[in-house]
C-alpha atoms as a PDB file:
ATOM      1  CA  MET A   1     -67.077 -90.822  92.229  1.00  0.00           C
ATOM      2  CA  THR A   2     -63.273 -91.987  93.238  1.00  0.00           C
ATOM      3  CA  LYS A   3     -60.233 -91.208  92.230  1.00  0.00           C
ATOM      4  CA  GLU A   4     -60.182 -95.123  90.974  1.00  0.00           C
ATOM      5  CA  THR A   5     -63.083 -94.920  88.953  1.00  0.00           C
ATOM      6  CA  PRO A   6     -63.136 -93.051  85.429  1.00  0.00           C
ATOM      7  CA  LEU A   7     -65.326 -90.930  84.047  1.00  0.00           C
ATOM      8  CA  ILE A   8     -66.239 -92.786  81.336  1.00  0.00           C
ATOM      9  CA  ALA A   9     -65.890 -96.673  81.678  1.00  0.00           C
ATOM     10  CA  LEU A  10     -66.939 -99.140  78.435  1.00  0.00           C
ATOM     11  CA  ASN A  11     -66.983-102.927  79.333  1.00  0.00           C
ATOM     12  CA  HIS A  12     -67.210-105.120  76.504  1.00  0.00           C
ATOM     13  CA  VAL A  13     -69.859-102.885  74.810  1.00  0.00           C
ATOM     14  CA  SER A  14     -70.587-104.172  71.712  1.00  0.00           C
ATOM     15  CA  MET A  15     -73.565-102.532  69.331  1.00  0.00           C
ATOM     16  CA  ASP A  16     -75.747-104.655  66.544  1.00  0.00           C
ATOM     17  CA  TYR A  17     -78.575-103.228  64.386  1.00  0.00           C
ATOM     18  CA  GLY A  18     -81.036-105.086  62.895  1.00  0.00           C
ATOM     19  CA  GLU A  19     -82.016-108.728  63.194  1.00  0.00           C
ATOM     20  CA  GLY A  20     -80.999-112.352  61.681  1.00  0.00           C
ATOM     21  CA  SER A  21     -79.421-112.349  58.303  1.00  0.00           C
ATOM     22  CA  GLU A  22     -80.336-108.304  58.429  1.00  0.00           C
ATOM     23  CA  SER A  23     -78.186-107.583  61.402  1.00  0.00           C
ATOM     24  CA  ALA A  24     -75.150-105.751  61.419  1.00  0.00           C
ATOM     25  CA  LEU A  25     -72.815-105.573  64.273  1.00  0.00           C
ATOM     26  CA  ALA A  26     -71.373-102.204  64.564  1.00  0.00           C
ATOM     27  CA  LEU A  27     -69.129-102.215  68.044  1.00  0.00           C
ATOM     28  CA  LYS A  28     -67.212-105.209  69.349  1.00  0.00           C
ATOM     29  CA  ASP A  29     -66.244-106.104  72.485  1.00  0.00           C
ATOM     30  CA  ILE A  30     -64.961-102.773  73.129  1.00  0.00           C
ATOM     31  CA  ASP A  31     -63.384-101.767  76.748  1.00  0.00           C
ATOM     32  CA  LEU A  32     -62.752 -98.165  77.144  1.00  0.00           C
ATOM     33  CA  THR A  33     -62.194 -95.619  80.153  1.00  0.00           C
ATOM     34  CA  ILE A  34     -61.958 -91.943  79.881  1.00  0.00           C
ATOM     35  CA  GLU A  35     -60.759 -90.132  82.751  1.00  0.00           C
ATOM     36  CA  LYS A  36     -61.533 -87.176  84.041  1.00  0.00           C
ATOM     37  CA  ASN A  37     -59.861 -83.866  82.229  1.00  0.00           C
ATOM     38  CA  GLU A  38     -58.811 -85.854  79.047  1.00  0.00           C
ATOM     39  CA  PHE A  39     -58.957 -84.879  75.302  1.00  0.00           C
ATOM     40  CA  LEU A  40     -59.814 -88.090  73.638  1.00  0.00           C
ATOM     41  CA  CYS A  41     -59.643 -88.103  69.800  1.00  0.00           C
ATOM     42  CA  ILE A  42     -61.150 -91.134  67.778  1.00  0.00           C
ATOM     43  CA  LEU A  43     -59.978 -92.227  64.573  1.00  0.00           C
ATOM     44  CA  GLY A  44     -61.095 -94.890  62.089  1.00  0.00           C
ATOM     45  CA  PRO A  45     -62.568 -95.440  58.565  1.00  0.00           C
ATOM     46  CA  SER A  46     -66.095 -94.753  57.701  1.00  0.00           C
ATOM     47  CA  GLY A  47     -68.129 -96.840  59.127  1.00  0.00           C
ATOM     48  CA  CYS A  48     -66.424 -98.072  61.730  1.00  0.00           C
ATOM     49  CA  GLY A  49     -68.316 -97.352  64.406  1.00  0.00           C
ATOM     50  CA  LYS A  50     -67.133 -94.125  66.106  1.00  0.00           C
ATOM     51  CA  SER A  51     -70.534 -92.374  65.754  1.00  0.00           C
ATOM     52  CA  THR A  52     -72.257 -95.600  67.230  1.00  0.00           C
ATOM     53  CA  LEU A  53     -69.288 -95.562  70.492  1.00  0.00           C
ATOM     54  CA  LEU A  54     -70.455 -91.518  70.929  1.00  0.00           C
ATOM     55  CA  LYS A  55     -73.830 -92.032  71.295  1.00  0.00           C
ATOM     56  CA  ILE A  56     -73.589 -94.869  73.400  1.00  0.00           C
ATOM     57  CA  ILE A  57     -71.358 -92.512  75.716  1.00  0.00           C
ATOM     58  CA  ALA A  58     -73.900 -89.423  75.303  1.00  0.00           C
ATOM     59  CA  GLY A  59     -77.245 -91.618  75.919  1.00  0.00           C
ATOM     60  CA  TYR A  60     -78.893 -92.153  72.966  1.00  0.00           C
ATOM     61  CA  GLN A  61     -78.153 -95.663  72.596  1.00  0.00           C
ATOM     62  CA  LYS A  62     -78.331 -98.634  74.320  1.00  0.00           C
ATOM     63  CA  PRO A  63     -75.061-100.969  73.666  1.00  0.00           C
ATOM     64  CA  THR A  64     -76.669-104.652  72.723  1.00  0.00           C
ATOM     65  CA  THR A  65     -74.435-106.066  74.976  1.00  0.00           C
ATOM     66  CA  GLY A  66     -71.539-104.791  77.482  1.00  0.00           C
ATOM     67  CA  GLU A  67     -72.148-101.653  79.993  1.00  0.00           C
ATOM     68  CA  ALA A  68     -71.215 -98.168  79.644  1.00  0.00           C
ATOM     69  CA  THR A  69     -70.704 -96.248  82.884  1.00  0.00           C
ATOM     70  CA  PHE A  70     -70.587 -92.246  83.667  1.00  0.00           C
ATOM     71  CA  GLN A  71     -69.016 -91.806  87.301  1.00  0.00           C
ATOM     72  CA  GLY A  72     -69.302 -95.109  87.990  1.00  0.00           C
ATOM     73  CA  LYS A  73     -73.210 -95.695  86.961  1.00  0.00           C
ATOM     74  CA  THR A  74     -75.027 -97.242  84.180  1.00  0.00           C
ATOM     75  CA  ILE A  75     -75.603 -94.763  80.954  1.00  0.00           C
ATOM     76  CA  THR A  76     -79.471 -95.127  80.342  1.00  0.00           C
ATOM     77  CA  ALA A  77     -80.538 -91.748  78.671  1.00  0.00           C
ATOM     78  CA  PRO A  78     -78.581 -88.342  77.983  1.00  0.00           C
ATOM     79  CA  ASP A  79     -77.570 -86.100  80.063  1.00  0.00           C
ATOM     80  CA  TRP A  80     -76.746 -82.404  80.517  1.00  0.00           C
ATOM     81  CA  HIS A  81     -73.508 -83.533  82.219  1.00  0.00           C
ATOM     82  CA  ARG A  82     -72.300 -84.946  78.905  1.00  0.00           C
ATOM     83  CA  GLY A  83     -73.233 -82.391  76.166  1.00  0.00           C
ATOM     84  CA  VAL A  84     -73.369 -83.328  72.564  1.00  0.00           C
ATOM     85  CA  VAL A  85     -71.671 -81.302  69.323  1.00  0.00           C
ATOM     86  CA  PHE A  86     -72.231 -82.454  65.746  1.00  0.00           C
ATOM     87  CA  GLN A  87     -71.175 -81.329  62.734  1.00  0.00           C
ATOM     88  CA  SER A  88     -73.860 -79.098  61.658  1.00  0.00           C
ATOM     89  CA  PRO A  89     -74.496 -76.405  64.294  1.00  0.00           C
ATOM     90  CA  THR A  90     -78.059 -77.431  65.603  1.00  0.00           C
ATOM     91  CA  LEU A  91     -79.009 -74.231  66.814  1.00  0.00           C
ATOM     92  CA  TYR A  92     -82.841 -72.912  67.383  1.00  0.00           C
ATOM     93  CA  PRO A  93     -83.153 -70.216  64.553  1.00  0.00           C
ATOM     94  CA  TRP A  94     -86.067 -68.570  66.044  1.00  0.00           C
ATOM     95  CA  LEU A  95     -83.670 -67.478  68.962  1.00  0.00           C
ATOM     96  CA  SER A  96     -80.771 -64.929  69.498  1.00  0.00           C
ATOM     97  CA  VAL A  97     -77.001 -66.069  69.817  1.00  0.00           C
ATOM     98  CA  LYS A  98     -77.810 -65.521  73.360  1.00  0.00           C
ATOM     99  CA  ASP A  99     -81.125 -67.351  73.833  1.00  0.00           C
ATOM    100  CA  ASN A 100     -79.386 -70.282  72.463  1.00  0.00           C
ATOM    101  CA  VAL A 101     -76.151 -70.192  74.417  1.00  0.00           C
ATOM    102  CA  GLY A 102     -78.789 -69.732  77.141  1.00  0.00           C
ATOM    103  CA  PHE A 103     -81.046 -72.242  76.376  1.00  0.00           C
ATOM    104  CA  GLY A 104     -80.006 -75.080  78.306  1.00  0.00           C
ATOM    105  CA  PRO A 105     -79.324 -73.442  81.734  1.00  0.00           C
ATOM    106  CA  ARG A 106     -83.134 -72.207  81.345  1.00  0.00           C
ATOM    107  CA  VAL A 107     -84.784 -75.309  80.531  1.00  0.00           C
ATOM    108  CA  ARG A 108     -83.047 -76.612  84.171  1.00  0.00           C
ATOM    109  CA  GLY A 109     -84.673 -73.649  86.032  1.00  0.00           C
ATOM    110  CA  ILE A 110     -81.382 -71.326  86.581  1.00  0.00           C
ATOM    111  CA  LYS A 111     -82.419 -67.912  87.459  1.00  0.00           C
ATOM    112  CA  LYS A 112     -82.524 -65.147  84.526  1.00  0.00           C
ATOM    113  CA  ALA A 113     -79.549 -63.234  86.253  1.00  0.00           C
ATOM    114  CA  LYS A 114     -77.277 -65.858  86.566  1.00  0.00           C
ATOM    115  CA  ILE A 115     -78.441 -67.009  82.890  1.00  0.00           C
ATOM    116  CA  ASN A 116     -77.050 -63.761  81.795  1.00  0.00           C
ATOM    117  CA  GLN A 117     -73.750 -64.375  83.329  1.00  0.00           C
ATOM    118  CA  ILE A 118     -73.186 -67.495  81.971  1.00  0.00           C
ATOM    119  CA  THR A 119     -74.323 -66.365  78.777  1.00  0.00           C
ATOM    120  CA  ASP A 120     -71.673 -63.398  78.912  1.00  0.00           C
ATOM    121  CA  GLN A 121     -69.176 -65.723  80.075  1.00  0.00           C
ATOM    122  CA  PHE A 122     -68.797 -67.926  77.155  1.00  0.00           C
ATOM    123  CA  LEU A 123     -69.932 -66.051  74.780  1.00  0.00           C
ATOM    124  CA  ASP A 124     -66.974 -64.000  75.764  1.00  0.00           C
ATOM    125  CA  GLN A 125     -64.873 -66.820  76.022  1.00  0.00           C
ATOM    126  CA  ILE A 126     -65.503 -67.911  72.048  1.00  0.00           C
ATOM    127  CA  GLY A 127     -65.470 -63.835  71.121  1.00  0.00           C
ATOM    128  CA  LEU A 128     -68.968 -63.519  70.450  1.00  0.00           C
ATOM    129  CA  LEU A 129     -69.913 -61.145  73.122  1.00  0.00           C
ATOM    130  CA  LYS A 130     -70.617 -58.182  70.926  1.00  0.00           C
ATOM    131  CA  ASP A 131     -72.575 -60.531  68.423  1.00  0.00           C
ATOM    132  CA  LYS A 132     -75.033 -61.727  71.150  1.00  0.00           C
ATOM    133  CA  ASP A 133     -78.171 -60.055  69.973  1.00  0.00           C
ATOM    134  CA  LYS A 134     -77.918 -61.291  66.683  1.00  0.00           C
ATOM    135  CA  ALA A 135     -79.790 -64.005  64.650  1.00  0.00           C
ATOM    136  CA  VAL A 136     -78.022 -67.342  64.299  1.00  0.00           C
ATOM    137  CA  PHE A 137     -78.543 -66.637  60.693  1.00  0.00           C
ATOM    138  CA  ASP A 138     -77.056 -63.763  60.264  1.00  0.00           C
ATOM    139  CA  LEU A 139     -73.416 -65.899  61.011  1.00  0.00           C
ATOM    140  CA  SER A 140     -70.862 -67.509  59.054  1.00  0.00           C
ATOM    141  CA  GLY A 141     -70.354 -71.119  59.636  1.00  0.00           C
ATOM    142  CA  GLY A 142     -67.543 -70.550  62.020  1.00  0.00           C
ATOM    143  CA  MET A 143     -69.519 -68.234  63.868  1.00  0.00           C
ATOM    144  CA  ARG A 144     -72.752 -70.959  64.511  1.00  0.00           C
ATOM    145  CA  GLN A 145     -70.028 -73.613  65.353  1.00  0.00           C
ATOM    146  CA  ARG A 146     -68.454 -71.235  67.827  1.00  0.00           C
ATOM    147  CA  VAL A 147     -72.087 -70.636  69.188  1.00  0.00           C
ATOM    148  CA  ALA A 148     -73.237 -74.133  69.393  1.00  0.00           C
ATOM    149  CA  LEU A 149     -70.197 -75.185  71.537  1.00  0.00           C
ATOM    150  CA  ALA A 150     -70.876 -72.019  73.855  1.00  0.00           C
ATOM    151  CA  ARG A 151     -74.455 -73.433  74.156  1.00  0.00           C
ATOM    152  CA  VAL A 152     -72.911 -76.816  75.141  1.00  0.00           C
ATOM    153  CA  LEU A 153     -70.447 -75.393  77.494  1.00  0.00           C
ATOM    154  CA  ALA A 154     -73.239 -73.445  78.999  1.00  0.00           C
ATOM    155  CA  ASN A 155     -74.341 -76.505  80.912  1.00  0.00           C
ATOM    156  CA  GLU A 156     -71.092 -76.605  82.509  1.00  0.00           C
ATOM    157  CA  PRO A 157     -70.620 -80.497  81.663  1.00  0.00           C
ATOM    158  CA  GLU A 158     -68.260 -82.731  82.919  1.00  0.00           C
ATOM    159  CA  MET A 159     -67.691 -84.057  79.500  1.00  0.00           C
ATOM    160  CA  ILE A 160     -68.061 -82.693  75.850  1.00  0.00           C
ATOM    161  CA  LEU A 161     -68.677 -85.110  72.779  1.00  0.00           C
ATOM    162  CA  MET A 162     -67.608 -83.782  69.565  1.00  0.00           C
ATOM    163  CA  ASP A 163     -68.841 -85.680  66.553  1.00  0.00           C
ATOM    164  CA  GLU A 164     -66.654 -84.377  63.465  1.00  0.00           C
ATOM    165  CA  PRO A 165     -67.134 -80.869  64.826  1.00  0.00           C
ATOM    166  CA  LEU A 166     -64.966 -78.925  62.392  1.00  0.00           C
ATOM    167  CA  GLY A 167     -65.560 -81.156  58.841  1.00  0.00           C
ATOM    168  CA  ALA A 168     -67.706 -78.913  57.399  1.00  0.00           C
ATOM    169  CA  LEU A 169     -65.745 -75.975  58.108  1.00  0.00           C
ATOM    170  CA  ASP A 170     -62.492 -73.919  55.647  1.00  0.00           C
ATOM    171  CA  ALA A 171     -59.248 -74.693  56.407  1.00  0.00           C
ATOM    172  CA  LEU A 172     -58.509 -71.856  58.256  1.00  0.00           C
ATOM    173  CA  THR A 173     -61.523 -71.511  60.146  1.00  0.00           C
ATOM    174  CA  ARG A 174     -60.923 -75.040  61.315  1.00  0.00           C
ATOM    175  CA  LEU A 175     -57.303 -74.138  62.130  1.00  0.00           C
ATOM    176  CA  ASN A 176     -58.599 -71.196  64.843  1.00  0.00           C
ATOM    177  CA  MET A 177     -61.384 -72.982  65.974  1.00  0.00           C
ATOM    178  CA  GLN A 178     -58.787 -75.993  66.940  1.00  0.00           C
ATOM    179  CA  THR A 179     -57.295 -73.479  68.891  1.00  0.00           C
ATOM    180  CA  LEU A 180     -60.517 -72.128  70.220  1.00  0.00           C
ATOM    181  CA  ILE A 181     -61.588 -75.762  71.354  1.00  0.00           C
ATOM    182  CA  ARG A 182     -57.752 -76.315  73.047  1.00  0.00           C
ATOM    183  CA  ASN A 183     -58.034 -73.048  74.832  1.00  0.00           C
ATOM    184  CA  LEU A 184     -61.436 -73.886  75.918  1.00  0.00           C
ATOM    185  CA  TRP A 185     -60.322 -77.139  77.155  1.00  0.00           C
ATOM    186  CA  HIS A 186     -57.720 -76.211  78.741  1.00  0.00           C
ATOM    187  CA  LYS A 187     -59.340 -72.856  80.815  1.00  0.00           C
ATOM    188  CA  ASN A 188     -62.730 -74.887  81.601  1.00  0.00           C
ATOM    189  CA  LYS A 189     -61.212 -78.319  82.656  1.00  0.00           C
ATOM    190  CA  ASN A 190     -63.533 -80.168  81.113  1.00  0.00           C
ATOM    191  CA  THR A 191     -63.226 -83.658  79.907  1.00  0.00           C
ATOM    192  CA  VAL A 192     -63.550 -83.787  75.495  1.00  0.00           C
ATOM    193  CA  MET A 193     -64.044 -86.605  73.216  1.00  0.00           C
ATOM    194  CA  MET A 194     -64.005 -85.720  69.937  1.00  0.00           C
ATOM    195  CA  ILE A 195     -64.755 -87.841  66.466  1.00  0.00           C
ATOM    196  CA  THR A 196     -62.488 -87.003  63.770  1.00  0.00           C
ATOM    197  CA  HIS A 197     -61.468 -88.285  60.529  1.00  0.00           C
ATOM    198  CA  ASP A 198     -58.215 -85.825  60.314  1.00  0.00           C
ATOM    199  CA  VAL A 199     -54.900 -87.420  61.759  1.00  0.00           C
ATOM    200  CA  GLU A 200     -52.963 -83.950  62.260  1.00  0.00           C
ATOM    201  CA  GLU A 201     -56.428 -82.600  63.924  1.00  0.00           C
ATOM    202  CA  ALA A 202     -56.510 -85.779  66.671  1.00  0.00           C
ATOM    203  CA  LEU A 203     -52.034 -85.176  67.154  1.00  0.00           C
ATOM    204  CA  SER A 204     -52.759 -81.451  67.753  1.00  0.00           C
ATOM    205  CA  LEU A 205     -55.612 -81.584  70.283  1.00  0.00           C
ATOM    206  CA  GLY A 206     -55.525 -84.847  71.978  1.00  0.00           C
ATOM    207  CA  THR A 207     -53.911 -86.018  74.746  1.00  0.00           C
ATOM    208  CA  ARG A 208     -54.914 -89.464  73.720  1.00  0.00           C
ATOM    209  CA  VAL A 209     -55.659 -90.906  69.944  1.00  0.00           C
ATOM    210  CA  ILE A 210     -57.514 -93.977  70.104  1.00  0.00           C
ATOM    211  CA  VAL A 211     -57.784 -96.010  66.207  1.00  0.00           C
ATOM    212  CA  MET A 212     -60.363 -97.836  65.277  1.00  0.00           C
ATOM    213  CA  SER A 213     -60.951-100.678  63.045  1.00  0.00           C
ATOM    214  CA  LYS A 214     -63.199-100.787  60.235  1.00  0.00           C
ATOM    215  CA  GLN A 215     -66.585-102.428  61.364  1.00  0.00           C
ATOM    216  CA  PRO A 216     -67.079-104.209  63.236  1.00  0.00           C
ATOM    217  CA  GLY A 217     -65.162-101.497  65.247  1.00  0.00           C
ATOM    218  CA  THR A 218     -62.579-102.541  67.489  1.00  0.00           C
ATOM    219  CA  ILE A 219     -59.981-100.368  69.228  1.00  0.00           C
ATOM    220  CA  ILE A 220     -56.391-101.222  67.527  1.00  0.00           C
ATOM    221  CA  LYS A 221     -54.319 -98.958  69.226  1.00  0.00           C
ATOM    222  CA  SER A 222     -54.083 -96.166  71.591  1.00  0.00           C
ATOM    223  CA  PHE A 223     -51.239 -93.175  71.565  1.00  0.00           C
ATOM    224  CA  ASP A 224     -50.628 -91.175  74.413  1.00  0.00           C
ATOM    225  CA  LEU A 225     -50.087 -87.461  73.494  1.00  0.00           C
ATOM    226  CA  ASN A 226     -48.364 -83.875  74.507  1.00  0.00           C
ATOM    227  CA  TYR A 227     -48.289 -81.868  71.362  1.00  0.00           C
ATOM    228  CA  THR A 228     -52.095 -79.851  72.884  1.00  0.00           C
ATOM    229  CA  TYR A 229     -49.977 -79.156  75.672  1.00  0.00           C
ATOM    230  CA  GLN A 230     -46.701 -77.801  73.798  1.00  0.00           C
ATOM    231  CA  ALA A 231     -49.175 -75.686  71.475  1.00  0.00           C
ATOM    232  CA  LEU A 232     -50.661 -74.582  74.803  1.00  0.00           C
ATOM    233  CA  GLU A 233     -47.218 -72.694  75.981  1.00  0.00           C
ATOM    234  CA  THR A 234     -46.572 -71.208  72.032  1.00  0.00           C
ATOM    235  CA  ASP A 235     -47.322 -68.042  71.132  1.00  0.00           C
ATOM    236  CA  ASN A 236     -48.664 -68.838  67.966  1.00  0.00           C
ATOM    237  CA  HIS A 237     -50.349 -72.039  69.397  1.00  0.00           C
ATOM    238  CA  ARG A 238     -49.586 -74.281  66.754  1.00  0.00           C
ATOM    239  CA  VAL A 239     -47.819 -77.481  67.382  1.00  0.00           C
ATOM    240  CA  LYS A 240     -44.458 -78.443  66.521  1.00  0.00           C
ATOM    241  CA  VAL A 241     -44.314 -80.837  64.133  1.00  0.00           C
ATOM    242  CA  ASP A 242     -41.069 -83.139  64.618  1.00  0.00           C
ATOM    243  CA  GLU A 243     -39.765 -86.613  63.450  1.00  0.00           C
ATOM    244  CA  GLN A 244     -41.620 -88.042  66.980  1.00  0.00           C
ATOM    245  CA  TYR A 245     -45.147 -86.490  65.588  1.00  0.00           C
ATOM    246  CA  LEU A 246     -44.375 -87.814  62.194  1.00  0.00           C
ATOM    247  CA  GLU A 247     -43.577 -91.589  62.655  1.00  0.00           C
ATOM    248  CA  ILE A 248     -46.905 -91.288  65.183  1.00  0.00           C
ATOM    249  CA  LYS A 249     -48.745 -89.963  62.142  1.00  0.00           C
ATOM    250  CA  ASN A 250     -47.580 -92.426  59.687  1.00  0.00           C
ATOM    251  CA  ASP A 251     -48.056 -95.218  62.484  1.00  0.00           C
ATOM    252  CA  ILE A 252     -51.496 -94.595  62.575  1.00  0.00           C
ATOM    253  CA  LEU A 253     -52.016 -94.053  58.492  1.00  0.00           C
ATOM    254  CA  ASP A 254     -50.423 -97.064  58.110  1.00  0.00           C
ATOM    255  CA  LEU A 255     -53.096 -98.942  60.375  1.00  0.00           C
ATOM    256  CA  ILE A 256     -55.973 -97.959  59.175  1.00  0.00           C
ATOM    257  CA  ASN A 257     -54.687 -98.314  55.748  1.00  0.00           C
ATOM    258  CA  ALA A 258     -53.274-102.209  56.722  1.00  0.00           C
ATOM    259  CA  ASP A 259     -56.601-102.614  58.544  1.00  0.00           C
ATOM    260  CA  LEU A 260     -58.621-101.423  55.492  1.00  0.00           C
ATOM    261  CA  ASN A 261     -56.767-103.591  52.763  1.00  0.00           C
ATOM    262  CA  GLU A 262     -56.768-106.826  55.028  1.00  0.00           C
ATOM    263  CA  VAL A 263     -58.845-109.035  53.492  1.00  0.00           C
END
């Protein structure tokens, strides 16, 4: 991949479900590039195609028209270089915490000693090294989501795709997870694309936020941000809410609400 080649490129991507009178256009003519080490957050109303967009980039679905590329090559199938974290932790209940985290490297044929090293490294990063021998059903919801994140990180992917990973968590756990995700992104130099319905979450984490329209989903506007870098420099890891922050937040809400109210 050259400096001029983005990590992800979507060129005139559209996605149509069904046939004939039963067809529904989920995405319409999406052009999007994602650069290495970006933290991209995607906002938009329910049903606007956010998850469809993620599935196309992950390789779970092929677009009806257009092309999606990863490092300049057409995405044709899922790949461990693009890890996915879902809203509900998709852990294997018959495996321990450490075996869940080490599952990907083991499938890829990594040697046991290296797997143990990788597993301990990422469990330490998420603060669950002492719990590595526990069964996952003995963990809280927030702890299980941390394990799900560590399992993706253990494959050392180029990109992490997150589909509302914090939506089911209580407010305090969600804030703590936001801090953890920001710190892991910064430390491990991954590229992240995160779908969320929470505007403040997007502003506090994203280096860029894009707003999508109602179905069929298109990109209405993109915002370049630096609040996540500000949070990294503070002791409490919180974003300073200033006048510009409030203006951007209101702009995003106005864009979404205006689009929903269009006849």
